[in-house]
Structures are given as C-alpha cells and as structure tokens.
Amino acid sequence: MSWLKLARRFQADTSGTTAVEYAVIAFVMAFALLACLPFFSSSVGALFASVVGAI
C-alpha cells in the first residue's frame, strides 16, 4: 500500500471523531465546575453542616 493511499484512507476515517468530541466536552465541563467551585464552597459546606446537624 502506498503512502498516498494510506494518507487518503486516514483522512476519510472518521470513526474516532465522536469519542474525541465527547472528551473535549467533558474536559470543558470539568474545567467550568472547578472554576465555579470557590464561589459555591461555603454554601455547600453550610448545607452539609445543617443536614448533619439535623440527623
């Protein structure tokens, strides 16, 4: 198989595209969650403390 045929076959193959897209979406969501975490940490901590106090 020549290099040109191999390069054309590689270019036409899109089977792994979906997995890469899902990985990028998961990375962006995780980054956004970690970026917003400091803003919600005190309220979440107070919520857990009140739940533990109620139990």
N, C-alpha and C. Protein backbone atom coordinates (compact mmCIF):
# COMPACT_ATOMS: atom_id res chain seq x y z
N MET A 1 0.85 -1.17 0.00
CA MET A 1 0.00 0.00 0.00
C MET A 1 0.90 1.24 0.00
N SER A 2 0.61 2.14 -0.88
CA SER A 2 1.45 3.32 -0.98
C SER A 2 1.09 4.33 0.12
N TRP A 3 1.99 5.25 0.36
CA TRP A 3 1.77 6.27 1.38
C TRP A 3 0.59 7.17 1.03
N LEU A 4 0.39 7.43 -0.24
CA LEU A 4 -0.71 8.28 -0.68
C LEU A 4 -2.06 7.63 -0.39
N LYS A 5 -2.17 6.32 -0.68
CA LYS A 5 -3.42 5.61 -0.38
C LYS A 5 -3.66 5.55 1.13
N LEU A 6 -2.62 5.34 1.89
CA LEU A 6 -2.74 5.29 3.34
C LEU A 6 -3.17 6.64 3.90
N ALA A 7 -2.62 7.72 3.36
CA ALA A 7 -2.98 9.06 3.82
C ALA A 7 -4.44 9.38 3.47
N ARG A 8 -4.88 8.97 2.29
CA ARG A 8 -6.27 9.20 1.91
C ARG A 8 -7.23 8.39 2.77
N ARG A 9 -6.86 7.16 3.08
CA ARG A 9 -7.70 6.33 3.94
C ARG A 9 -7.78 6.90 5.36
N PHE A 10 -6.66 7.41 5.86
CA PHE A 10 -6.63 8.02 7.17
C PHE A 10 -7.49 9.29 7.21
N GLN A 11 -7.44 10.07 6.16
CA GLN A 11 -8.23 11.30 6.09
C GLN A 11 -9.72 10.99 6.03
N ALA A 12 -10.11 9.92 5.38
CA ALA A 12 -11.52 9.58 5.23
C ALA A 12 -12.09 8.89 6.47
N ASP A 13 -11.23 8.37 7.33
CA ASP A 13 -11.70 7.65 8.53
C ASP A 13 -12.16 8.64 9.59
N THR A 14 -13.42 8.57 9.97
CA THR A 14 -13.97 9.47 10.99
C THR A 14 -14.54 8.70 12.18
N SER A 15 -14.11 7.49 12.40
CA SER A 15 -14.70 6.66 13.45
C SER A 15 -14.36 7.14 14.85
N GLY A 16 -13.22 7.76 15.07
CA GLY A 16 -12.85 8.21 16.39
C GLY A 16 -13.25 9.64 16.70
N THR A 17 -13.90 10.30 15.78
CA THR A 17 -14.23 11.70 15.95
C THR A 17 -15.19 11.91 17.12
N THR A 18 -16.19 11.08 17.25
CA THR A 18 -17.18 11.25 18.30
C THR A 18 -16.56 11.12 19.69
N ALA A 19 -15.67 10.18 19.86
CA ALA A 19 -15.03 9.98 21.16
C ALA A 19 -14.20 11.21 21.53
N VAL A 20 -13.52 11.79 20.57
CA VAL A 20 -12.71 12.98 20.83
C VAL A 20 -13.61 14.15 21.20
N GLU A 21 -14.72 14.29 20.51
CA GLU A 21 -15.64 15.38 20.82
C GLU A 21 -16.21 15.24 22.22
N TYR A 22 -16.59 14.04 22.62
CA TYR A 22 -17.11 13.82 23.96
C TYR A 22 -16.03 14.09 25.02
N ALA A 23 -14.81 13.75 24.74
CA ALA A 23 -13.72 14.01 25.68
C ALA A 23 -13.50 15.51 25.85
N VAL A 24 -13.58 16.26 24.76
CA VAL A 24 -13.42 17.71 24.85
C VAL A 24 -14.56 18.33 25.64
N ILE A 25 -15.78 17.87 25.41
CA ILE A 25 -16.94 18.38 26.16
C ILE A 25 -16.79 18.08 27.64
N ALA A 26 -16.36 16.87 27.99
CA ALA A 26 -16.18 16.50 29.39
C ALA A 26 -15.08 17.35 30.04
N PHE A 27 -14.02 17.63 29.31
CA PHE A 27 -12.94 18.46 29.84
C PHE A 27 -13.43 19.88 30.10
N VAL A 28 -14.20 20.44 29.18
CA VAL A 28 -14.71 21.81 29.35
C VAL A 28 -15.66 21.87 30.54
N MET A 29 -16.53 20.87 30.67
CA MET A 29 -17.46 20.86 31.81
C MET A 29 -16.72 20.72 33.13
N ALA A 30 -15.71 19.87 33.19
CA ALA A 30 -14.93 19.71 34.42
C ALA A 30 -14.19 21.00 34.76
N PHE A 31 -13.65 21.66 33.77
CA PHE A 31 -12.94 22.91 33.99
C PHE A 31 -13.90 23.99 34.50
N ALA A 32 -15.10 24.06 33.92
CA ALA A 32 -16.09 25.04 34.37
C ALA A 32 -16.53 24.75 35.80
N LEU A 33 -16.71 23.49 36.14
CA LEU A 33 -17.09 23.12 37.50
C LEU A 33 -16.00 23.52 38.49
N LEU A 34 -14.76 23.24 38.16
CA LEU A 34 -13.66 23.60 39.05
C LEU A 34 -13.48 25.11 39.15
N ALA A 35 -13.78 25.82 38.09
CA ALA A 35 -13.66 27.28 38.12
C ALA A 35 -14.74 27.90 39.00
N CYS A 36 -15.92 27.30 39.05
CA CYS A 36 -17.04 27.84 39.85
C CYS A 36 -17.05 27.32 41.27
N LEU A 37 -16.28 26.32 41.57
CA LEU A 37 -16.29 25.70 42.89
C LEU A 37 -16.01 26.67 44.04
N PRO A 38 -15.05 27.58 43.93
CA PRO A 38 -14.81 28.50 45.06
C PRO A 38 -16.02 29.39 45.40
N PHE A 39 -16.84 29.69 44.44
CA PHE A 39 -18.00 30.55 44.69
C PHE A 39 -19.10 29.83 45.47
N PHE A 40 -19.16 28.50 45.34
CA PHE A 40 -20.23 27.74 45.98
C PHE A 40 -19.77 26.93 47.18
N SER A 41 -18.49 26.94 47.49
CA SER A 41 -17.98 26.05 48.53
C SER A 41 -18.55 26.39 49.91
N SER A 42 -18.70 27.65 50.24
CA SER A 42 -19.20 27.99 51.58
C SER A 42 -20.67 27.63 51.73
N SER A 43 -21.47 27.84 50.69
CA SER A 43 -22.89 27.50 50.79
C SER A 43 -23.12 25.99 50.81
N VAL A 44 -22.33 25.26 50.07
CA VAL A 44 -22.44 23.80 50.08
C VAL A 44 -21.99 23.25 51.43
N GLY A 45 -20.92 23.82 51.99
CA GLY A 45 -20.46 23.40 53.31
C GLY A 45 -21.51 23.67 54.37
N ALA A 46 -22.17 24.81 54.30
CA ALA A 46 -23.23 25.12 55.27
C ALA A 46 -24.41 24.17 55.10
N LEU A 47 -24.73 23.82 53.87
CA LEU A 47 -25.83 22.88 53.62
C LEU A 47 -25.53 21.52 54.22
N PHE A 48 -24.33 21.01 54.02
CA PHE A 48 -23.96 19.72 54.60
C PHE A 48 -23.94 19.79 56.12
N ALA A 49 -23.48 20.89 56.68
CA ALA A 49 -23.45 21.03 58.13
C ALA A 49 -24.86 21.03 58.71
N SER A 50 -25.79 21.67 58.02
CA SER A 50 -27.16 21.68 58.51
C SER A 50 -27.81 20.30 58.39
N VAL A 51 -27.48 19.56 57.34
CA VAL A 51 -28.00 18.20 57.19
C VAL A 51 -27.45 17.30 58.29
N VAL A 52 -26.16 17.40 58.54
CA VAL A 52 -25.55 16.58 59.60
C VAL A 52 -26.11 16.97 60.95
N GLY A 53 -26.35 18.24 61.18
CA GLY A 53 -26.94 18.69 62.44
C GLY A 53 -28.37 18.20 62.62
N ALA A 54 -29.11 18.06 61.52
CA ALA A 54 -30.49 17.59 61.60
C ALA A 54 -30.55 16.09 61.88
N ILE A 55 -29.53 15.38 61.49
CA ILE A 55 -29.51 13.93 61.69
C ILE A 55 -29.13 13.67 63.12
